[in-house]
Amino acid sequence: MKKSASRPDRSGDIRKFRPCRFVAAVIILLCGLSYTPAFAAMMASAKSTAVCQNMAPSLESHLARLGIDFGNPIYVRIFKQSNELELWVQDEDHYKLFKTYEICAFSGDLGPKLREGDRQSPEGFYSVTEDRLNPFSRFHLSFDIGFPNEYDKALGRSGSALMVHGDCVSVGCFAMTNGQMEEIYTLAEAALKNGQRSFNVDVFPFRMTAENMALYKRSPWMKFWTNLKEGYDLFERTFIPPVAVVKNKRYVFEQPYGETAKNHRSREPFSIN
C-alpha cells in the first residue's frame, strides 16, 4: 500500500480563519438565525465555485452516457488494501458504478482507527452531510467522512478531521490527486444541492470476498471485519447502500434505503452553475 511522506503538522484538515466568514457568522447570530445544513450548502470558495463550474459539463456528459442525471445521489466505497475509491451514482432505484479511482495516499495498516494521533485511517460506515464539505480546505478540496461515528464512540475510539481530500498527502486521511478530488467533490456537491440529505462513505480493509476473508482469518480484527462484511454483502446483493445502525457495540443493517433518485431531487430544476 502507498504511504505518504510526513508533514510538519499532523492535522487531517483545518479550516483557515476567514474574516468575511467570521463577520457573516456574527451577523447570523445577531439576527437570531441558527447554523443549519441549508446554510452550509451555500458555502463556497472561489476555488470550489470555479472547479464545480468547470467540471460539471464533462461529468454531466459522462453520466448521460450511463443514462444517469447529473445531481443524482452518490455513494462512496473505499478499499484500503487495493488503494481504491469507488464512486457510485443512483439510477432510479439502484446505483451504478461511475468510476474507480486509485487512492494517492493513506496512512497506517489494515484495521480500524483507535485513537487520536495513531496515524491510522478508519474503517466502518460513515455519512457525509452538507456541512462536512470544505471548499476552503488547505488540501485543495475535501469532505469530512464523519469519524468517529456512533460505533466508534461506543468503543471509545477517538480522532477528528478524517477526510477525503486532494493534495496527495495523508496523515490518517484518504488523499486523492487534485484532479480526482475535483470530480468527486463536484458530484458530491451536486447531489447534496439537488436534495440528497447525506451520502455514505463505507470504508473496508479489502474487498470482502470469501477468499480474502480466508486469507486474513488469523487477523485480530476478523470479528470486526465479519461485521463489516454484512454491510458489504448487502450492497453486493442489492446495489443500494446499506443503512447501518449501532446496537450492542456492533453494526446492524436495516432494510436498504429504497427511495428513488427522483424522490431525492429538489423541487426546483437543478442547474450546473
C-alpha atoms as a PDB file:
ATOM      1  CA  MET A   1       0.000   0.000   0.000  1.00  0.00           C
ATOM      2  CA  LYS A   2       1.091   3.551  -0.539  1.00  0.00           C
ATOM      3  CA  LYS A   3       2.076   5.825   2.320  1.00  0.00           C
ATOM      4  CA  SER A   4       2.805   9.491   2.143  1.00  0.00           C
ATOM      5  CA  ALA A   5       5.779  11.410   3.392  1.00  0.00           C
ATOM      6  CA  SER A   6       5.227  13.041   6.774  1.00  0.00           C
ATOM      7  CA  ARG A   7       4.297  16.698   7.135  1.00  0.00           C
ATOM      8  CA  PRO A   8       5.243  19.049   9.996  1.00  0.00           C
ATOM      9  CA  ASP A   9       1.638  19.273  11.202  1.00  0.00           C
ATOM     10  CA  ARG A  10      -0.453  16.174  11.575  1.00  0.00           C
ATOM     11  CA  SER A  11      -3.950  17.564  11.260  1.00  0.00           C
ATOM     12  CA  GLY A  12      -6.096  15.818   8.656  1.00  0.00           C
ATOM     13  CA  ASP A  13      -7.686  19.082   7.607  1.00  0.00           C
ATOM     14  CA  ILE A  14      -8.003  22.515   9.271  1.00  0.00           C
ATOM     15  CA  ARG A  15     -10.309  25.218   8.019  1.00  0.00           C
ATOM     16  CA  LYS A  16      -8.442  28.500   7.803  1.00  0.00           C
ATOM     17  CA  PHE A  17      -9.846  31.567   9.548  1.00  0.00           C
ATOM     18  CA  ARG A  18     -11.583  33.851   7.072  1.00  0.00           C
ATOM     19  CA  PRO A  19     -12.582  37.331   8.300  1.00  0.00           C
ATOM     20  CA  CYS A  20     -15.549  37.540   5.925  1.00  0.00           C
ATOM     21  CA  ARG A  21     -16.871  34.204   7.170  1.00  0.00           C
ATOM     22  CA  PHE A  22     -16.456  35.374  10.780  1.00  0.00           C
ATOM     23  CA  VAL A  23     -18.418  38.552  10.079  1.00  0.00           C
ATOM     24  CA  ALA A  24     -21.128  36.536   8.326  1.00  0.00           C
ATOM     25  CA  ALA A  25     -21.396  34.232  11.338  1.00  0.00           C
ATOM     26  CA  VAL A  26     -21.753  37.200  13.695  1.00  0.00           C
ATOM     27  CA  ILE A  27     -24.483  38.710  11.534  1.00  0.00           C
ATOM     28  CA  ILE A  28     -26.391  35.439  11.517  1.00  0.00           C
ATOM     29  CA  LEU A  29     -26.065  35.165  15.299  1.00  0.00           C
ATOM     30  CA  LEU A  30     -27.302  38.722  15.810  1.00  0.00           C
ATOM     31  CA  CYS A  31     -30.260  38.048  13.562  1.00  0.00           C
ATOM     32  CA  GLY A  32     -31.190  35.073  15.718  1.00  0.00           C
ATOM     33  CA  LEU A  33     -30.685  32.520  12.950  1.00  0.00           C
ATOM     34  CA  SER A  34     -29.162  29.099  13.532  1.00  0.00           C
ATOM     35  CA  TYR A  35     -26.381  27.497  11.533  1.00  0.00           C
ATOM     36  CA  THR A  36     -28.168  24.818   9.513  1.00  0.00           C
ATOM     37  CA  PRO A  37     -27.191  22.379   6.754  1.00  0.00           C
ATOM     38  CA  ALA A  38     -29.134  24.566   4.322  1.00  0.00           C
ATOM     39  CA  PHE A  39     -26.779  27.444   5.134  1.00  0.00           C
ATOM     40  CA  ALA A  40     -23.791  25.122   4.936  1.00  0.00           C
ATOM     41  CA  ALA A  41     -24.864  24.089   1.456  1.00  0.00           C
ATOM     42  CA  MET A  42     -24.368  27.676   0.335  1.00  0.00           C
ATOM     43  CA  MET A  43     -20.757  27.780   1.498  1.00  0.00           C
ATOM     44  CA  ALA A  44     -18.334  28.033  -1.381  1.00  0.00           C
ATOM     45  CA  SER A  45     -14.887  29.352  -2.099  1.00  0.00           C
ATOM     46  CA  ALA A  46     -13.653  30.933  -5.291  1.00  0.00           C
ATOM     47  CA  LYS A  47     -11.796  27.689  -5.920  1.00  0.00           C
ATOM     48  CA  SER A  48     -14.751  25.359  -5.335  1.00  0.00           C
ATOM     49  CA  THR A  49     -17.049  27.525  -7.450  1.00  0.00           C
ATOM     50  CA  ALA A  50     -14.601  27.566 -10.340  1.00  0.00           C
ATOM     51  CA  VAL A  51     -13.883  23.840 -10.036  1.00  0.00           C
ATOM     52  CA  CYS A  52     -17.537  22.799  -9.974  1.00  0.00           C
ATOM     53  CA  GLN A  53     -18.455  25.025 -12.894  1.00  0.00           C
ATOM     54  CA  ASN A  54     -15.511  23.711 -14.903  1.00  0.00           C
ATOM     55  CA  MET A  55     -16.071  20.027 -14.088  1.00  0.00           C
ATOM     56  CA  ALA A  56     -19.867  19.869 -14.333  1.00  0.00           C
ATOM     57  CA  PRO A  57     -20.261  19.769 -18.156  1.00  0.00           C
ATOM     58  CA  SER A  58     -17.888  16.828 -18.673  1.00  0.00           C
ATOM     59  CA  LEU A  59     -19.333  14.939 -15.710  1.00  0.00           C
ATOM     60  CA  GLU A  60     -22.853  15.568 -16.976  1.00  0.00           C
ATOM     61  CA  SER A  61     -21.874  14.130 -20.375  1.00  0.00           C
ATOM     62  CA  HIS A  62     -20.213  11.099 -18.777  1.00  0.00           C
ATOM     63  CA  LEU A  63     -23.288  10.391 -16.658  1.00  0.00           C
ATOM     64  CA  ALA A  64     -25.594  10.864 -19.645  1.00  0.00           C
ATOM     65  CA  ARG A  65     -23.783   8.025 -21.411  1.00  0.00           C
ATOM     66  CA  LEU A  66     -24.702   5.844 -18.432  1.00  0.00           C
ATOM     67  CA  GLY A  67     -28.305   7.042 -18.593  1.00  0.00           C
ATOM     68  CA  ILE A  68     -27.961   8.927 -15.270  1.00  0.00           C
ATOM     69  CA  ASP A  69     -28.778  12.542 -14.468  1.00  0.00           C
ATOM     70  CA  PHE A  70     -26.135  14.881 -13.094  1.00  0.00           C
ATOM     71  CA  GLY A  71     -27.063  15.680  -9.481  1.00  0.00           C
ATOM     72  CA  ASN A  72     -28.385  12.209  -8.640  1.00  0.00           C
ATOM     73  CA  PRO A  73     -27.439  10.737  -5.222  1.00  0.00           C
ATOM     74  CA  ILE A  74     -23.953   9.274  -4.818  1.00  0.00           C
ATOM     75  CA  TYR A  75     -22.322   6.533  -2.727  1.00  0.00           C
ATOM     76  CA  VAL A  76     -18.621   6.044  -1.956  1.00  0.00           C
ATOM     77  CA  ARG A  77     -16.811   2.810  -1.110  1.00  0.00           C
ATOM     78  CA  ILE A  78     -13.129   2.696  -0.126  1.00  0.00           C
ATOM     79  CA  PHE A  79     -10.877  -0.380  -0.124  1.00  0.00           C
ATOM     80  CA  LYS A  80      -7.597   0.126   1.685  1.00  0.00           C
ATOM     81  CA  GLN A  81      -5.684  -2.959   0.532  1.00  0.00           C
ATOM     82  CA  SER A  82      -6.120  -2.150  -3.157  1.00  0.00           C
ATOM     83  CA  ASN A  83      -5.951   1.663  -2.773  1.00  0.00           C
ATOM     84  CA  GLU A  84      -9.345   2.099  -4.451  1.00  0.00           C
ATOM     85  CA  LEU A  85     -12.172   4.590  -4.060  1.00  0.00           C
ATOM     86  CA  GLU A  86     -15.363   3.710  -5.892  1.00  0.00           C
ATOM     87  CA  LEU A  87     -17.928   6.382  -6.695  1.00  0.00           C
ATOM     88  CA  TRP A  88     -21.436   5.129  -7.437  1.00  0.00           C
ATOM     89  CA  VAL A  89     -24.367   7.216  -8.696  1.00  0.00           C
ATOM     90  CA  GLN A  90     -28.018   6.335  -8.309  1.00  0.00           C
ATOM     91  CA  ASP A  91     -30.073   5.480 -11.379  1.00  0.00           C
ATOM     92  CA  GLU A  92     -33.655   5.473 -10.111  1.00  0.00           C
ATOM     93  CA  ASP A  93     -33.850   2.539  -7.641  1.00  0.00           C
ATOM     94  CA  HIS A  94     -30.279   1.246  -7.796  1.00  0.00           C
ATOM     95  CA  TYR A  95     -26.733   2.552  -8.021  1.00  0.00           C
ATOM     96  CA  LYS A  96     -24.322   2.246 -10.932  1.00  0.00           C
ATOM     97  CA  LEU A  97     -20.546   2.419 -10.712  1.00  0.00           C
ATOM     98  CA  PHE A  98     -19.413   5.747 -12.141  1.00  0.00           C
ATOM     99  CA  LYS A  99     -15.665   5.400 -11.671  1.00  0.00           C
ATOM    100  CA  THR A 100     -12.982   3.681  -9.602  1.00  0.00           C
ATOM    101  CA  TYR A 101     -10.154   5.994  -8.512  1.00  0.00           C
ATOM    102  CA  GLU A 102      -6.723   4.981  -7.279  1.00  0.00           C
ATOM    103  CA  ILE A 103      -6.152   6.464  -3.823  1.00  0.00           C
ATOM    104  CA  CYS A 104      -2.988   8.523  -3.901  1.00  0.00           C
ATOM    105  CA  ALA A 105      -2.060   8.015  -0.235  1.00  0.00           C
ATOM    106  CA  PHE A 106      -3.462   6.880   3.091  1.00  0.00           C
ATOM    107  CA  SER A 107      -1.881   6.229   6.473  1.00  0.00           C
ATOM    108  CA  GLY A 108      -1.493   3.152   8.624  1.00  0.00           C
ATOM    109  CA  ASP A 109      -2.301  -0.511   8.074  1.00  0.00           C
ATOM    110  CA  LEU A 110      -5.384  -2.663   7.665  1.00  0.00           C
ATOM    111  CA  GLY A 111      -7.670  -2.310  10.661  1.00  0.00           C
ATOM    112  CA  PRO A 112      -9.711   0.486  12.265  1.00  0.00           C
ATOM    113  CA  LYS A 113      -8.577   3.782  13.719  1.00  0.00           C
ATOM    114  CA  LEU A 114      -8.452   3.564  17.512  1.00  0.00           C
ATOM    115  CA  ARG A 115      -7.265   6.893  18.880  1.00  0.00           C
ATOM    116  CA  GLU A 116      -6.301  10.439  18.030  1.00  0.00           C
ATOM    117  CA  GLY A 117      -2.747  10.592  16.759  1.00  0.00           C
ATOM    118  CA  ASP A 118      -2.309   6.923  15.810  1.00  0.00           C
ATOM    119  CA  ARG A 119      -1.912   7.935  12.145  1.00  0.00           C
ATOM    120  CA  GLN A 120      -4.364   5.207  11.191  1.00  0.00           C
ATOM    121  CA  SER A 121      -7.146   5.627   8.652  1.00  0.00           C
ATOM    122  CA  PRO A 122     -10.597   4.429   9.786  1.00  0.00           C
ATOM    123  CA  GLU A 123     -12.804   1.551   8.687  1.00  0.00           C
ATOM    124  CA  GLY A 124     -16.569   1.414   9.005  1.00  0.00           C
ATOM    125  CA  PHE A 125     -19.791   3.045   7.810  1.00  0.00           C
ATOM    126  CA  TYR A 126     -19.775   6.831   7.655  1.00  0.00           C
ATOM    127  CA  SER A 127     -22.046   9.587   6.394  1.00  0.00           C
ATOM    128  CA  VAL A 128     -21.302  12.974   4.817  1.00  0.00           C
ATOM    129  CA  THR A 129     -23.773  15.830   5.193  1.00  0.00           C
ATOM    130  CA  GLU A 130     -23.655  19.267   3.577  1.00  0.00           C
ATOM    131  CA  ASP A 131     -21.804  20.877   6.473  1.00  0.00           C
ATOM    132  CA  ARG A 132     -18.926  18.387   6.123  1.00  0.00           C
ATOM    133  CA  LEU A 133     -17.897  19.655   2.703  1.00  0.00           C
ATOM    134  CA  ASN A 134     -14.950  22.022   2.994  1.00  0.00           C
ATOM    135  CA  PRO A 135     -14.472  24.320  -0.016  1.00  0.00           C
ATOM    136  CA  PHE A 136     -11.744  26.185   1.939  1.00  0.00           C
ATOM    137  CA  SER A 137      -9.573  23.118   2.554  1.00  0.00           C
ATOM    138  CA  ARG A 138      -5.829  23.649   2.532  1.00  0.00           C
ATOM    139  CA  PHE A 139      -5.675  20.244   0.827  1.00  0.00           C
ATOM    140  CA  HIS A 140      -7.312  21.604  -2.344  1.00  0.00           C
ATOM    141  CA  LEU A 141     -10.910  20.445  -1.606  1.00  0.00           C
ATOM    142  CA  SER A 142     -12.205  17.990   0.983  1.00  0.00           C
ATOM    143  CA  PHE A 143     -15.038  16.454   2.941  1.00  0.00           C
ATOM    144  CA  ASP A 144     -15.051  15.025   6.457  1.00  0.00           C
ATOM    145  CA  ILE A 145     -16.279  11.412   6.479  1.00  0.00           C
ATOM    146  CA  GLY A 146     -17.736  11.748   9.987  1.00  0.00           C
ATOM    147  CA  PHE A 147     -15.257   9.867  12.201  1.00  0.00           C
ATOM    148  CA  PRO A 148     -15.902   9.000  14.975  1.00  0.00           C
ATOM    149  CA  ASN A 149     -19.377   7.683  14.229  1.00  0.00           C
ATOM    150  CA  GLU A 150     -21.700   6.173  16.827  1.00  0.00           C
ATOM    151  CA  TYR A 151     -19.951   2.799  16.586  1.00  0.00           C
ATOM    152  CA  ASP A 152     -16.525   4.339  17.149  1.00  0.00           C
ATOM    153  CA  LYS A 153     -17.797   6.359  20.107  1.00  0.00           C
ATOM    154  CA  ALA A 154     -19.375   3.256  21.662  1.00  0.00           C
ATOM    155  CA  LEU A 155     -15.944   1.602  21.603  1.00  0.00           C
ATOM    156  CA  GLY A 156     -14.145   4.665  22.928  1.00  0.00           C
ATOM    157  CA  ARG A 157     -12.313   5.441  19.707  1.00  0.00           C
ATOM    158  CA  SER A 158     -11.120   8.998  19.172  1.00  0.00           C
ATOM    159  CA  GLY A 159      -9.970  11.206  16.333  1.00  0.00           C
ATOM    160  CA  SER A 160     -11.051  14.180  14.274  1.00  0.00           C
ATOM    161  CA  ALA A 161     -10.920  15.720  10.809  1.00  0.00           C
ATOM    162  CA  LEU A 162     -10.689  12.426   8.917  1.00  0.00           C
ATOM    163  CA  MET A 163     -11.065  13.492   5.327  1.00  0.00           C
ATOM    164  CA  VAL A 164     -11.164  12.543   1.712  1.00  0.00           C
ATOM    165  CA  HIS A 165      -9.127  15.360   0.191  1.00  0.00           C
ATOM    166  CA  GLY A 166      -6.753  16.368  -2.575  1.00  0.00           C
ATOM    167  CA  ASP A 167      -3.064  17.276  -2.496  1.00  0.00           C
ATOM    168  CA  CYS A 168      -1.910  13.623  -2.456  1.00  0.00           C
ATOM    169  CA  VAL A 169      -0.597  13.598   1.145  1.00  0.00           C
ATOM    170  CA  SER A 170      -2.174  11.874   4.136  1.00  0.00           C
ATOM    171  CA  VAL A 171      -1.913  11.559   7.912  1.00  0.00           C
ATOM    172  CA  GLY A 172      -4.913   9.355   8.656  1.00  0.00           C
ATOM    173  CA  CYS A 173      -6.975  10.619   5.731  1.00  0.00           C
ATOM    174  CA  PHE A 174      -7.644   9.337   2.213  1.00  0.00           C
ATOM    175  CA  ALA A 175      -5.737  11.565  -0.186  1.00  0.00           C
ATOM    176  CA  MET A 176      -6.517  11.852  -3.874  1.00  0.00           C
ATOM    177  CA  THR A 177      -4.874  13.754  -6.680  1.00  0.00           C
ATOM    178  CA  ASN A 178      -6.344  17.220  -7.169  1.00  0.00           C
ATOM    179  CA  GLY A 179      -7.932  16.201 -10.467  1.00  0.00           C
ATOM    180  CA  GLN A 180      -9.632  13.189  -8.879  1.00  0.00           C
ATOM    181  CA  MET A 181     -10.831  15.256  -5.947  1.00  0.00           C
ATOM    182  CA  GLU A 182     -12.344  17.849  -8.265  1.00  0.00           C
ATOM    183  CA  GLU A 183     -14.541  15.197  -9.882  1.00  0.00           C
ATOM    184  CA  ILE A 184     -15.546  13.644  -6.555  1.00  0.00           C
ATOM    185  CA  TYR A 185     -16.236  16.991  -4.895  1.00  0.00           C
ATOM    186  CA  THR A 186     -18.294  18.259  -7.833  1.00  0.00           C
ATOM    187  CA  LEU A 187     -20.515  15.177  -7.845  1.00  0.00           C
ATOM    188  CA  ALA A 188     -20.870  15.305  -4.050  1.00  0.00           C
ATOM    189  CA  GLU A 189     -21.822  18.978  -4.040  1.00  0.00           C
ATOM    190  CA  ALA A 190     -24.292  18.480  -6.912  1.00  0.00           C
ATOM    191  CA  ALA A 191     -26.000  15.545  -5.175  1.00  0.00           C
ATOM    192  CA  LEU A 192     -26.348  17.410  -1.885  1.00  0.00           C
ATOM    193  CA  LYS A 193     -27.585  20.584  -3.559  1.00  0.00           C
ATOM    194  CA  ASN A 194     -30.094  18.534  -5.505  1.00  0.00           C
ATOM    195  CA  GLY A 195     -31.763  17.011  -2.441  1.00  0.00           C
ATOM    196  CA  GLN A 196     -29.656  14.099  -1.165  1.00  0.00           C
ATOM    197  CA  ARG A 197     -29.608  14.529   2.612  1.00  0.00           C
ATOM    198  CA  SER A 198     -26.270  12.757   3.060  1.00  0.00           C
ATOM    199  CA  PHE A 199     -24.133  10.219   1.245  1.00  0.00           C
ATOM    200  CA  ASN A 200     -22.464   7.125   2.640  1.00  0.00           C
ATOM    201  CA  VAL A 201     -18.714   6.638   2.707  1.00  0.00           C
ATOM    202  CA  ASP A 202     -18.138   2.989   3.598  1.00  0.00           C
ATOM    203  CA  VAL A 203     -14.518   2.034   4.292  1.00  0.00           C
ATOM    204  CA  PHE A 204     -13.368  -1.578   4.098  1.00  0.00           C
ATOM    205  CA  PRO A 205      -9.934  -3.135   4.628  1.00  0.00           C
ATOM    206  CA  PHE A 206     -10.267  -5.075   1.364  1.00  0.00           C
ATOM    207  CA  ARG A 207     -12.911  -6.464  -0.955  1.00  0.00           C
ATOM    208  CA  MET A 208     -14.681  -8.787   1.416  1.00  0.00           C
ATOM    209  CA  THR A 209     -14.749 -11.896  -0.721  1.00  0.00           C
ATOM    210  CA  ALA A 210     -14.619 -15.373   0.760  1.00  0.00           C
ATOM    211  CA  GLU A 211     -11.021 -15.662  -0.489  1.00  0.00           C
ATOM    212  CA  ASN A 212      -9.884 -12.502   1.270  1.00  0.00           C
ATOM    213  CA  MET A 213     -11.713 -13.391   4.469  1.00  0.00           C
ATOM    214  CA  ALA A 214      -9.921 -16.729   4.493  1.00  0.00           C
ATOM    215  CA  LEU A 215      -6.590 -15.045   3.775  1.00  0.00           C
ATOM    216  CA  TYR A 216      -6.931 -12.799   6.830  1.00  0.00           C
ATOM    217  CA  LYS A 217      -8.694 -15.277   9.125  1.00  0.00           C
ATOM    218  CA  ARG A 218      -5.952 -15.028  11.755  1.00  0.00           C
ATOM    219  CA  SER A 219      -6.162 -11.245  11.995  1.00  0.00           C
ATOM    220  CA  PRO A 220      -7.158  -9.858  15.423  1.00  0.00           C
ATOM    221  CA  TRP A 221      -9.714  -7.761  13.529  1.00  0.00           C
ATOM    222  CA  MET A 222     -11.555 -10.703  11.990  1.00  0.00           C
ATOM    223  CA  LYS A 223     -14.614 -10.357  14.257  1.00  0.00           C
ATOM    224  CA  PHE A 224     -14.888  -6.664  13.351  1.00  0.00           C
ATOM    225  CA  TRP A 225     -14.388  -7.385   9.665  1.00  0.00           C
ATOM    226  CA  THR A 226     -17.039 -10.115   9.719  1.00  0.00           C
ATOM    227  CA  ASN A 227     -19.472  -7.453  10.947  1.00  0.00           C
ATOM    228  CA  LEU A 228     -18.376  -5.075   8.157  1.00  0.00           C
ATOM    229  CA  LYS A 229     -18.902  -7.873   5.643  1.00  0.00           C
ATOM    230  CA  GLU A 230     -22.621  -7.928   6.460  1.00  0.00           C
ATOM    231  CA  GLY A 231     -22.975  -4.406   5.049  1.00  0.00           C
ATOM    232  CA  TYR A 232     -20.639  -5.164   2.157  1.00  0.00           C
ATOM    233  CA  ASP A 233     -22.691  -8.230   1.181  1.00  0.00           C
ATOM    234  CA  LEU A 234     -25.953  -6.295   1.418  1.00  0.00           C
ATOM    235  CA  PHE A 235     -24.780  -3.790  -1.182  1.00  0.00           C
ATOM    236  CA  GLU A 236     -23.370  -6.541  -3.397  1.00  0.00           C
ATOM    237  CA  ARG A 237     -26.835  -8.122  -3.463  1.00  0.00           C
ATOM    238  CA  THR A 238     -28.998  -5.036  -3.836  1.00  0.00           C
ATOM    239  CA  PHE A 239     -26.789  -2.225  -5.245  1.00  0.00           C
ATOM    240  CA  ILE A 240     -28.394   0.036  -2.639  1.00  0.00           C
ATOM    241  CA  PRO A 241     -26.152   1.492   0.102  1.00  0.00           C
ATOM    242  CA  PRO A 242     -26.664  -0.257   3.448  1.00  0.00           C
ATOM    243  CA  VAL A 243     -28.270   1.601   6.339  1.00  0.00           C
ATOM    244  CA  ALA A 244     -26.057   0.906   9.359  1.00  0.00           C
ATOM    245  CA  VAL A 245     -27.194   1.493  12.927  1.00  0.00           C
ATOM    246  CA  VAL A 246     -25.336   0.613  16.134  1.00  0.00           C
ATOM    247  CA  LYS A 247     -26.723  -1.825  18.689  1.00  0.00           C
ATOM    248  CA  ASN A 248     -24.750  -3.501  21.465  1.00  0.00           C
ATOM    249  CA  LYS A 249     -21.473  -2.160  20.092  1.00  0.00           C
ATOM    250  CA  ARG A 250     -21.864  -3.659  16.649  1.00  0.00           C
ATOM    251  CA  TYR A 251     -23.261  -2.609  13.290  1.00  0.00           C
ATOM    252  CA  VAL A 252     -26.778  -3.776  12.489  1.00  0.00           C
ATOM    253  CA  PHE A 253     -28.122  -3.308   8.979  1.00  0.00           C
ATOM    254  CA  GLU A 254     -31.655  -2.221   8.331  1.00  0.00           C
ATOM    255  CA  GLN A 255     -33.519  -2.650   5.094  1.00  0.00           C
ATOM    256  CA  PRO A 256     -31.745  -0.811   2.252  1.00  0.00           C
ATOM    257  CA  TYR A 257     -32.773   2.765   1.639  1.00  0.00           C
ATOM    258  CA  GLY A 258     -35.399   2.489  -1.075  1.00  0.00           C
ATOM    259  CA  GLU A 259     -36.221   5.994  -2.239  1.00  0.00           C
ATOM    260  CA  THR A 260     -35.658   6.605  -5.913  1.00  0.00           C
ATOM    261  CA  ALA A 261     -33.303   9.226  -7.300  1.00  0.00           C
ATOM    262  CA  LYS A 262     -36.352  11.138  -8.452  1.00  0.00           C
ATOM    263  CA  ASN A 263     -37.613  11.403  -4.878  1.00  0.00           C
ATOM    264  CA  HIS A 264     -34.264  12.802  -3.756  1.00  0.00           C
ATOM    265  CA  ARG A 265     -34.293  15.673  -6.239  1.00  0.00           C
ATOM    266  CA  SER A 266     -35.103  19.245  -5.341  1.00  0.00           C
ATOM    267  CA  ARG A 267     -38.407  20.649  -6.475  1.00  0.00           C
ATOM    268  CA  GLU A 268     -36.645  23.364  -8.415  1.00  0.00           C
ATOM    269  CA  PRO A 269     -34.838  22.444 -11.679  1.00  0.00           C
ATOM    270  CA  PHE A 270     -31.176  21.738 -10.982  1.00  0.00           C
ATOM    271  CA  SER A 271     -28.543  23.946 -12.547  1.00  0.00           C
ATOM    272  CA  ILE A 272     -24.889  23.055 -13.024  1.00  0.00           C
ATOM    273  CA  ASN A 273     -23.890  26.666 -12.341  1.00  0.00           C
END
